[in-house]
Amino acid sequence: MKLKGKVAVITGGTRGIGKGIALEFVKEGAVVVLSYLKDDESANETLKEIQEIGGDCILLKGDISNYNYTKGLIADTINRLGKIDILVNNAAISRVGLFMDETEESYNKIMDINFKSVFNTCNCVIGHMLSRREGSIINISSVWGNVGASCEVLYSASKGAINSFTKALGKEAAPNGVRVNGIAPGVIDTKMNKWMNEEEREALNEEIPMGRFGYCSEIGRAAVFLACEESSYITGEILNVNGGF
C-alpha cells in the first residue's frame, strides 16, 4: 500500500475527479479528509463508498475560497490526525461562454474558487510541511491551462495560473523536502462535461488520439504516483494525463 499511514486533504473531493483521487488514495492506505462546498448528497455517497472498501474518511463542508475557513480546516485536520502528508487542490468550477459576456462577478467567482483556494490551502499548510521536511502538494490543472480554450477564457486563465504557481512553489519548497506538482487532465468523463450533447461528445472523441474521454480513476492513479515515493525526485512538474489530446 503506497500511501499507508498518510493523511491526505483533498479539496472538491466528493465528486468527479476529486472523488476518483480519494478512492484511489484510500485503496493505497491513506486517510482522506474531503472538503466540499454544498453537495451533501454526493458527499454522503462518497463517504459510504469509502467506508464500504474499508477506508477512513472525514468530510468537511465549507468554502475554501475563504482564507479563514481554510486556515481552520488545515488546523483542525492537524489537530485531529496529527499531520498532513498530502494536499490535493482539486476544487474548481467552469464556465462556457464568450469572453465579451464575462463580468467582474464571473471573473471573481472563477478565480476565487479555482486559484485563490490553491493559494489559501498551500499558504496554510506549507509551514507545517516545511517544518516536518516532507510533504506532497498536487494541484489539479487542465489541458486548457497549457494551451487555452476558446469560450473558456477565464477557466483557462485560472488553470494557467495554477501551472505557474506549481512550478514556482515546487522550486521554493524543494530544499526542505516538500514536493509540489500538478496534473493537467484532458477531457474527463465528469459532470463538468455533461453540458455536451452526443454529437459534440463524438466530435471531441475524434480529436482525442485514444478515442475516448478519460476516467476519474485514471487521474486518481496519477495522483497516487505523485503522492508516493515512486515520484520522490519529481517536483515543479505538470503531468499531462490526456489520452494524447
C-alpha atoms as a PDB file:
ATOM      1  CA  MET A   1       0.000   0.000   0.000  1.00  0.00           C
ATOM      2  CA  LYS A   2       1.830   3.036  -1.343  1.00  0.00           C
ATOM      3  CA  LEU A   3       0.183   5.601   0.950  1.00  0.00           C
ATOM      4  CA  LYS A   4      -0.235   3.575   4.127  1.00  0.00           C
ATOM      5  CA  GLY A   5      -0.327   5.817   7.183  1.00  0.00           C
ATOM      6  CA  LYS A   6      -0.542   9.008   5.130  1.00  0.00           C
ATOM      7  CA  VAL A   7      -3.079  11.780   5.732  1.00  0.00           C
ATOM      8  CA  ALA A   8      -4.412  13.489   2.601  1.00  0.00           C
ATOM      9  CA  VAL A   9      -6.577  16.596   2.302  1.00  0.00           C
ATOM     10  CA  ILE A  10      -8.475  16.780  -0.991  1.00  0.00           C
ATOM     11  CA  THR A  11     -10.496  19.856  -1.922  1.00  0.00           C
ATOM     12  CA  GLY A  12     -13.559  19.245  -4.041  1.00  0.00           C
ATOM     13  CA  GLY A  13     -13.044  15.655  -3.012  1.00  0.00           C
ATOM     14  CA  THR A  14     -16.568  14.261  -3.012  1.00  0.00           C
ATOM     15  CA  ARG A  15     -17.373  14.037  -6.707  1.00  0.00           C
ATOM     16  CA  GLY A  16     -15.788  13.887 -10.145  1.00  0.00           C
ATOM     17  CA  ILE A  17     -12.002  13.905 -10.286  1.00  0.00           C
ATOM     18  CA  GLY A  18     -11.711  14.628  -6.567  1.00  0.00           C
ATOM     19  CA  LYS A  19     -13.745  11.555  -5.733  1.00  0.00           C
ATOM     20  CA  GLY A  20     -11.652   9.473  -8.127  1.00  0.00           C
ATOM     21  CA  ILE A  21      -8.497  10.619  -6.363  1.00  0.00           C
ATOM     22  CA  ALA A  22      -9.997   9.967  -2.928  1.00  0.00           C
ATOM     23  CA  LEU A  23     -10.959   6.395  -3.814  1.00  0.00           C
ATOM     24  CA  GLU A  24      -7.518   5.598  -5.231  1.00  0.00           C
ATOM     25  CA  PHE A  25      -5.808   7.116  -2.175  1.00  0.00           C
ATOM     26  CA  VAL A  26      -7.933   5.044   0.193  1.00  0.00           C
ATOM     27  CA  LYS A  27      -7.139   1.869  -1.741  1.00  0.00           C
ATOM     28  CA  GLU A  28      -3.460   2.649  -1.146  1.00  0.00           C
ATOM     29  CA  GLY A  29      -3.954   3.067   2.615  1.00  0.00           C
ATOM     30  CA  ALA A  30      -4.365   6.837   3.079  1.00  0.00           C
ATOM     31  CA  VAL A  31      -6.787   8.537   5.449  1.00  0.00           C
ATOM     32  CA  VAL A  32      -8.624  11.192   3.446  1.00  0.00           C
ATOM     33  CA  VAL A  33     -10.115  14.491   4.539  1.00  0.00           C
ATOM     34  CA  LEU A  34     -12.545  15.650   1.856  1.00  0.00           C
ATOM     35  CA  SER A  35     -13.537  19.301   1.596  1.00  0.00           C
ATOM     36  CA  TYR A  36     -16.708  20.211  -0.284  1.00  0.00           C
ATOM     37  CA  LEU A  37     -18.911  23.271  -0.669  1.00  0.00           C
ATOM     38  CA  LYS A  38     -22.584  22.314  -0.753  1.00  0.00           C
ATOM     39  CA  ASP A  39     -23.488  18.969  -2.365  1.00  0.00           C
ATOM     40  CA  ASP A  40     -24.346  16.901   0.720  1.00  0.00           C
ATOM     41  CA  GLU A  41     -25.803  14.047  -1.321  1.00  0.00           C
ATOM     42  CA  SER A  42     -22.577  13.453  -3.274  1.00  0.00           C
ATOM     43  CA  ALA A  43     -20.544  13.833  -0.091  1.00  0.00           C
ATOM     44  CA  ASN A  44     -22.522  11.174   1.746  1.00  0.00           C
ATOM     45  CA  GLU A  45     -22.415   8.829  -1.253  1.00  0.00           C
ATOM     46  CA  THR A  46     -18.637   9.177  -1.430  1.00  0.00           C
ATOM     47  CA  LEU A  47     -18.288   8.612   2.315  1.00  0.00           C
ATOM     48  CA  LYS A  48     -20.355   5.444   2.008  1.00  0.00           C
ATOM     49  CA  GLU A  49     -18.266   4.125  -0.890  1.00  0.00           C
ATOM     50  CA  ILE A  50     -15.051   4.754   1.024  1.00  0.00           C
ATOM     51  CA  GLN A  51     -16.368   3.042   4.131  1.00  0.00           C
ATOM     52  CA  GLU A  52     -17.526   0.047   2.065  1.00  0.00           C
ATOM     53  CA  ILE A  53     -13.943  -0.581   0.909  1.00  0.00           C
ATOM     54  CA  GLY A  54     -12.659  -0.226   4.462  1.00  0.00           C
ATOM     55  CA  GLY A  55     -11.290   3.294   4.177  1.00  0.00           C
ATOM     56  CA  ASP A  56     -11.141   6.146   6.667  1.00  0.00           C
ATOM     57  CA  CYS A  57     -12.678   9.462   5.642  1.00  0.00           C
ATOM     58  CA  ILE A  58     -13.581  12.790   7.223  1.00  0.00           C
ATOM     59  CA  LEU A  59     -15.976  15.188   5.479  1.00  0.00           C
ATOM     60  CA  LEU A  60     -15.568  18.944   5.994  1.00  0.00           C
ATOM     61  CA  LYS A  61     -18.105  21.313   4.459  1.00  0.00           C
ATOM     62  CA  GLY A  62     -17.186  24.917   3.718  1.00  0.00           C
ATOM     63  CA  ASP A  63     -15.848  27.480   1.287  1.00  0.00           C
ATOM     64  CA  ILE A  64     -12.105  27.106   0.708  1.00  0.00           C
ATOM     65  CA  SER A  65     -12.014  30.381  -1.231  1.00  0.00           C
ATOM     66  CA  ASN A  66     -12.406  31.930   2.236  1.00  0.00           C
ATOM     67  CA  TYR A  67      -8.963  32.163   3.841  1.00  0.00           C
ATOM     68  CA  ASN A  68     -10.130  31.991   7.457  1.00  0.00           C
ATOM     69  CA  TYR A  69     -12.231  28.897   6.788  1.00  0.00           C
ATOM     70  CA  THR A  70      -9.300  27.227   5.042  1.00  0.00           C
ATOM     71  CA  LYS A  71      -6.944  28.079   7.883  1.00  0.00           C
ATOM     72  CA  GLY A  72      -9.375  26.410  10.284  1.00  0.00           C
ATOM     73  CA  LEU A  73      -9.707  23.335   8.047  1.00  0.00           C
ATOM     74  CA  ILE A  74      -5.958  22.793   7.965  1.00  0.00           C
ATOM     75  CA  ALA A  75      -5.568  23.406  11.704  1.00  0.00           C
ATOM     76  CA  ASP A  76      -8.494  21.111  12.534  1.00  0.00           C
ATOM     77  CA  THR A  77      -7.063  18.310  10.385  1.00  0.00           C
ATOM     78  CA  ILE A  78      -3.634  18.557  12.030  1.00  0.00           C
ATOM     79  CA  ASN A  79      -5.260  18.671  15.473  1.00  0.00           C
ATOM     80  CA  ARG A  80      -7.416  15.597  14.805  1.00  0.00           C
ATOM     81  CA  LEU A  81      -4.992  13.471  12.778  1.00  0.00           C
ATOM     82  CA  GLY A  82      -1.608  14.798  13.859  1.00  0.00           C
ATOM     83  CA  LYS A  83      -0.279  15.762  10.426  1.00  0.00           C
ATOM     84  CA  ILE A  84      -0.974  16.400   6.757  1.00  0.00           C
ATOM     85  CA  ASP A  85       1.230  14.465   4.342  1.00  0.00           C
ATOM     86  CA  ILE A  86      -0.581  15.196   1.088  1.00  0.00           C
ATOM     87  CA  LEU A  87      -2.633  18.131  -0.175  1.00  0.00           C
ATOM     88  CA  VAL A  88      -4.631  17.846  -3.377  1.00  0.00           C
ATOM     89  CA  ASN A  89      -6.156  21.054  -4.738  1.00  0.00           C
ATOM     90  CA  ASN A  90      -8.968  19.893  -6.971  1.00  0.00           C
ATOM     91  CA  ALA A  91     -11.917  22.229  -6.278  1.00  0.00           C
ATOM     92  CA  ALA A  92     -12.927  24.073  -9.443  1.00  0.00           C
ATOM     93  CA  ILE A  93     -15.803  25.421 -11.493  1.00  0.00           C
ATOM     94  CA  SER A  94     -16.039  26.022 -15.224  1.00  0.00           C
ATOM     95  CA  ARG A  95     -17.982  28.476 -17.349  1.00  0.00           C
ATOM     96  CA  VAL A  96     -18.568  28.198 -21.091  1.00  0.00           C
ATOM     97  CA  GLY A  97     -19.330  31.381 -22.997  1.00  0.00           C
ATOM     98  CA  LEU A  98     -17.913  34.298 -24.944  1.00  0.00           C
ATOM     99  CA  PHE A  99     -15.361  36.442 -23.164  1.00  0.00           C
ATOM    100  CA  MET A 100     -17.260  39.590 -24.162  1.00  0.00           C
ATOM    101  CA  ASP A 101     -20.123  38.397 -21.968  1.00  0.00           C
ATOM    102  CA  GLU A 102     -17.983  37.895 -18.865  1.00  0.00           C
ATOM    103  CA  THR A 103     -18.331  40.234 -15.895  1.00  0.00           C
ATOM    104  CA  GLU A 104     -16.252  41.203 -12.896  1.00  0.00           C
ATOM    105  CA  GLU A 105     -18.522  38.946 -10.856  1.00  0.00           C
ATOM    106  CA  SER A 106     -17.873  35.901 -13.065  1.00  0.00           C
ATOM    107  CA  TYR A 107     -14.128  36.652 -13.015  1.00  0.00           C
ATOM    108  CA  ASN A 108     -14.076  36.844  -9.219  1.00  0.00           C
ATOM    109  CA  LYS A 109     -16.092  33.646  -8.822  1.00  0.00           C
ATOM    110  CA  ILE A 110     -13.891  31.536 -11.104  1.00  0.00           C
ATOM    111  CA  MET A 111     -10.586  32.913  -9.859  1.00  0.00           C
ATOM    112  CA  ASP A 112     -11.593  32.653  -6.194  1.00  0.00           C
ATOM    113  CA  ILE A 113     -12.678  29.030  -6.415  1.00  0.00           C
ATOM    114  CA  ASN A 114     -10.126  27.802  -8.945  1.00  0.00           C
ATOM    115  CA  PHE A 115      -6.993  29.718  -7.948  1.00  0.00           C
ATOM    116  CA  LYS A 116      -7.381  31.659  -4.715  1.00  0.00           C
ATOM    117  CA  SER A 117      -8.350  28.414  -2.996  1.00  0.00           C
ATOM    118  CA  VAL A 118      -4.992  26.959  -4.082  1.00  0.00           C
ATOM    119  CA  PHE A 119      -3.204  29.915  -2.516  1.00  0.00           C
ATOM    120  CA  ASN A 120      -5.270  29.515   0.652  1.00  0.00           C
ATOM    121  CA  THR A 121      -4.609  25.824   1.212  1.00  0.00           C
ATOM    122  CA  CYS A 122      -0.945  25.958   0.252  1.00  0.00           C
ATOM    123  CA  ASN A 123      -0.289  29.040   2.353  1.00  0.00           C
ATOM    124  CA  CYS A 124      -1.959  27.432   5.367  1.00  0.00           C
ATOM    125  CA  VAL A 125      -0.215  24.054   5.086  1.00  0.00           C
ATOM    126  CA  ILE A 126       3.245  24.881   3.783  1.00  0.00           C
ATOM    127  CA  GLY A 127       4.699  25.844   7.175  1.00  0.00           C
ATOM    128  CA  HIS A 128       3.578  22.513   8.636  1.00  0.00           C
ATOM    129  CA  MET A 129       5.133  20.552   5.759  1.00  0.00           C
ATOM    130  CA  LEU A 130       8.384  22.531   5.737  1.00  0.00           C
ATOM    131  CA  SER A 131       8.817  22.062   9.478  1.00  0.00           C
ATOM    132  CA  ARG A 132       8.466  18.292   9.021  1.00  0.00           C
ATOM    133  CA  ARG A 133      10.691  18.415   5.907  1.00  0.00           C
ATOM    134  CA  GLU A 134       8.263  16.274   3.964  1.00  0.00           C
ATOM    135  CA  GLY A 135       5.006  16.530   2.069  1.00  0.00           C
ATOM    136  CA  SER A 136       3.460  16.365  -1.370  1.00  0.00           C
ATOM    137  CA  ILE A 137       1.186  19.027  -2.859  1.00  0.00           C
ATOM    138  CA  ILE A 138      -0.719  18.157  -6.029  1.00  0.00           C
ATOM    139  CA  ASN A 139      -2.604  20.866  -7.906  1.00  0.00           C
ATOM    140  CA  ILE A 140      -5.191  19.809 -10.463  1.00  0.00           C
ATOM    141  CA  SER A 141      -4.860  21.974 -13.555  1.00  0.00           C
ATOM    142  CA  SER A 142      -6.252  21.286 -17.041  1.00  0.00           C
ATOM    143  CA  VAL A 143      -5.194  20.814 -20.621  1.00  0.00           C
ATOM    144  CA  TRP A 144      -6.669  24.296 -21.123  1.00  0.00           C
ATOM    145  CA  GLY A 145      -4.191  25.672 -18.598  1.00  0.00           C
ATOM    146  CA  ASN A 146      -1.473  24.674 -21.068  1.00  0.00           C
ATOM    147  CA  VAL A 147      -2.985  25.842 -24.355  1.00  0.00           C
ATOM    148  CA  GLY A 148      -6.135  27.853 -23.596  1.00  0.00           C
ATOM    149  CA  ALA A 149      -9.666  27.175 -24.765  1.00  0.00           C
ATOM    150  CA  SER A 150     -11.953  29.350 -26.827  1.00  0.00           C
ATOM    151  CA  CYS A 151     -15.115  30.213 -24.871  1.00  0.00           C
ATOM    152  CA  GLU A 152     -13.396  29.229 -21.610  1.00  0.00           C
ATOM    153  CA  VAL A 153     -11.012  32.160 -21.260  1.00  0.00           C
ATOM    154  CA  LEU A 154     -11.360  32.678 -17.511  1.00  0.00           C
ATOM    155  CA  TYR A 155     -11.230  28.949 -16.742  1.00  0.00           C
ATOM    156  CA  SER A 156      -8.089  28.638 -18.890  1.00  0.00           C
ATOM    157  CA  ALA A 157      -6.525  31.638 -17.161  1.00  0.00           C
ATOM    158  CA  SER A 158      -7.177  30.193 -13.706  1.00  0.00           C
ATOM    159  CA  LYS A 159      -5.591  26.884 -14.660  1.00  0.00           C
ATOM    160  CA  GLY A 160      -2.623  28.594 -16.306  1.00  0.00           C
ATOM    161  CA  ALA A 161      -2.071  30.455 -13.039  1.00  0.00           C
ATOM    162  CA  ILE A 162      -2.059  27.139 -11.205  1.00  0.00           C
ATOM    163  CA  ASN A 163       0.648  25.837 -13.537  1.00  0.00           C
ATOM    164  CA  SER A 164       2.995  28.767 -12.876  1.00  0.00           C
ATOM    165  CA  PHE A 165       2.243  28.702  -9.150  1.00  0.00           C
ATOM    166  CA  THR A 166       3.057  24.986  -9.027  1.00  0.00           C
ATOM    167  CA  LYS A 167       6.396  25.359 -10.794  1.00  0.00           C
ATOM    168  CA  ALA A 168       7.466  28.299  -8.629  1.00  0.00           C
ATOM    169  CA  LEU A 169       6.428  26.800  -5.295  1.00  0.00           C
ATOM    170  CA  GLY A 170       7.991  23.496  -6.290  1.00  0.00           C
ATOM    171  CA  LYS A 171      11.370  25.223  -6.641  1.00  0.00           C
ATOM    172  CA  GLU A 172      10.968  27.164  -3.392  1.00  0.00           C
ATOM    173  CA  ALA A 173       9.916  24.186  -1.252  1.00  0.00           C
ATOM    174  CA  ALA A 174      12.292  21.593  -2.694  1.00  0.00           C
ATOM    175  CA  PRO A 175      15.282  22.308  -0.405  1.00  0.00           C
ATOM    176  CA  ASN A 176      13.094  21.424   2.575  1.00  0.00           C
ATOM    177  CA  GLY A 177      11.811  18.127   1.226  1.00  0.00           C
ATOM    178  CA  VAL A 178       8.369  19.283   0.080  1.00  0.00           C
ATOM    179  CA  ARG A 179       7.344  18.406  -3.472  1.00  0.00           C
ATOM    180  CA  VAL A 180       4.777  20.403  -5.474  1.00  0.00           C
ATOM    181  CA  ASN A 181       3.413  19.042  -8.740  1.00  0.00           C
ATOM    182  CA  GLY A 182       0.346  19.370 -10.918  1.00  0.00           C
ATOM    183  CA  ILE A 183      -1.843  17.182 -13.074  1.00  0.00           C
ATOM    184  CA  ALA A 184      -3.348  18.583 -16.263  1.00  0.00           C
ATOM    185  CA  PRO A 185      -6.246  16.295 -17.198  1.00  0.00           C
ATOM    186  CA  GLY A 186      -7.614  16.196 -20.698  1.00  0.00           C
ATOM    187  CA  VAL A 187     -11.300  15.592 -21.248  1.00  0.00           C
ATOM    188  CA  ILE A 188     -12.539  13.534 -18.304  1.00  0.00           C
ATOM    189  CA  ASP A 189     -15.995  11.998 -18.052  1.00  0.00           C
ATOM    190  CA  THR A 190     -17.410  14.110 -15.196  1.00  0.00           C
ATOM    191  CA  LYS A 191     -20.495  16.214 -14.524  1.00  0.00           C
ATOM    192  CA  MET A 192     -18.477  19.270 -15.592  1.00  0.00           C
ATOM    193  CA  ASN A 193     -18.663  17.959 -19.173  1.00  0.00           C
ATOM    194  CA  LYS A 194     -22.320  16.887 -19.134  1.00  0.00           C
ATOM    195  CA  TRP A 195     -23.346  20.070 -20.991  1.00  0.00           C
ATOM    196  CA  MET A 196     -22.230  18.465 -24.265  1.00  0.00           C
ATOM    197  CA  ASN A 197     -24.740  16.588 -26.400  1.00  0.00           C
ATOM    198  CA  GLU A 198     -23.929  13.259 -28.051  1.00  0.00           C
ATOM    199  CA  GLU A 199     -22.872  14.859 -31.318  1.00  0.00           C
ATOM    200  CA  GLU A 200     -20.468  17.188 -29.513  1.00  0.00           C
ATOM    201  CA  ARG A 201     -19.056  14.314 -27.459  1.00  0.00           C
ATOM    202  CA  GLU A 202     -18.436  12.232 -30.568  1.00  0.00           C
ATOM    203  CA  ALA A 203     -16.721  15.138 -32.326  1.00  0.00           C
ATOM    204  CA  LEU A 204     -14.458  15.622 -29.322  1.00  0.00           C
ATOM    205  CA  ASN A 205     -13.708  11.891 -29.127  1.00  0.00           C
ATOM    206  CA  GLU A 206     -12.433  12.077 -32.690  1.00  0.00           C
ATOM    207  CA  GLU A 207      -9.901  14.736 -31.636  1.00  0.00           C
ATOM    208  CA  ILE A 208      -8.503  12.557 -28.845  1.00  0.00           C
ATOM    209  CA  PRO A 209      -5.895  10.080 -30.147  1.00  0.00           C
ATOM    210  CA  MET A 210      -7.063   7.415 -27.667  1.00  0.00           C
ATOM    211  CA  GLY A 211     -10.621   7.927 -28.924  1.00  0.00           C
ATOM    212  CA  ARG A 212     -12.405   8.390 -25.587  1.00  0.00           C
ATOM    213  CA  PHE A 213     -12.866  10.563 -22.537  1.00  0.00           C
ATOM    214  CA  GLY A 214     -10.651   9.766 -19.572  1.00  0.00           C
ATOM    215  CA  TYR A 215     -11.855   8.202 -16.318  1.00  0.00           C
ATOM    216  CA  CYS A 216     -11.631   9.809 -12.899  1.00  0.00           C
ATOM    217  CA  SER A 217      -9.803   6.729 -11.643  1.00  0.00           C
ATOM    218  CA  GLU A 218      -7.034   7.372 -14.195  1.00  0.00           C
ATOM    219  CA  ILE A 219      -6.437  10.821 -12.719  1.00  0.00           C
ATOM    220  CA  GLY A 220      -6.592   9.197  -9.287  1.00  0.00           C
ATOM    221  CA  ARG A 221      -3.800   6.761 -10.123  1.00  0.00           C
ATOM    222  CA  ALA A 222      -1.660   9.597 -11.490  1.00  0.00           C
ATOM    223  CA  ALA A 223      -2.190  11.437  -8.201  1.00  0.00           C
ATOM    224  CA  VAL A 224      -1.136   8.337  -6.247  1.00  0.00           C
ATOM    225  CA  PHE A 225       2.108   8.288  -8.242  1.00  0.00           C
ATOM    226  CA  LEU A 226       2.843  11.950  -7.461  1.00  0.00           C
ATOM    227  CA  ALA A 227       1.956  11.468  -3.792  1.00  0.00           C
ATOM    228  CA  CYS A 228       4.105   8.409  -3.113  1.00  0.00           C
ATOM    229  CA  GLU A 229       7.814   7.653  -3.001  1.00  0.00           C
ATOM    230  CA  GLU A 230       7.849   6.444  -6.600  1.00  0.00           C
ATOM    231  CA  SER A 231       7.996  10.105  -7.656  1.00  0.00           C
ATOM    232  CA  SER A 232      10.489  11.184  -4.979  1.00  0.00           C
ATOM    233  CA  TYR A 233      12.712  13.076  -7.463  1.00  0.00           C
ATOM    234  CA  ILE A 234       9.883  14.900  -9.252  1.00  0.00           C
ATOM    235  CA  THR A 235       8.820  18.430  -8.316  1.00  0.00           C
ATOM    236  CA  GLY A 236       7.591  21.543 -10.110  1.00  0.00           C
ATOM    237  CA  GLU A 237       6.150  19.435 -12.924  1.00  0.00           C
ATOM    238  CA  ILE A 238       2.762  19.387 -14.642  1.00  0.00           C
ATOM    239  CA  LEU A 239       1.839  15.812 -15.561  1.00  0.00           C
ATOM    240  CA  ASN A 240      -0.378  15.688 -18.630  1.00  0.00           C
ATOM    241  CA  VAL A 241      -2.995  12.929 -18.485  1.00  0.00           C
ATOM    242  CA  ASN A 242      -4.979  13.480 -21.637  1.00  0.00           C
ATOM    243  CA  GLY A 243      -5.045  10.468 -23.958  1.00  0.00           C
ATOM    244  CA  GLY A 244      -2.714  12.308 -26.346  1.00  0.00           C
ATOM    245  CA  PHE A 245      -5.129  15.224 -26.789  1.00  0.00           C
END
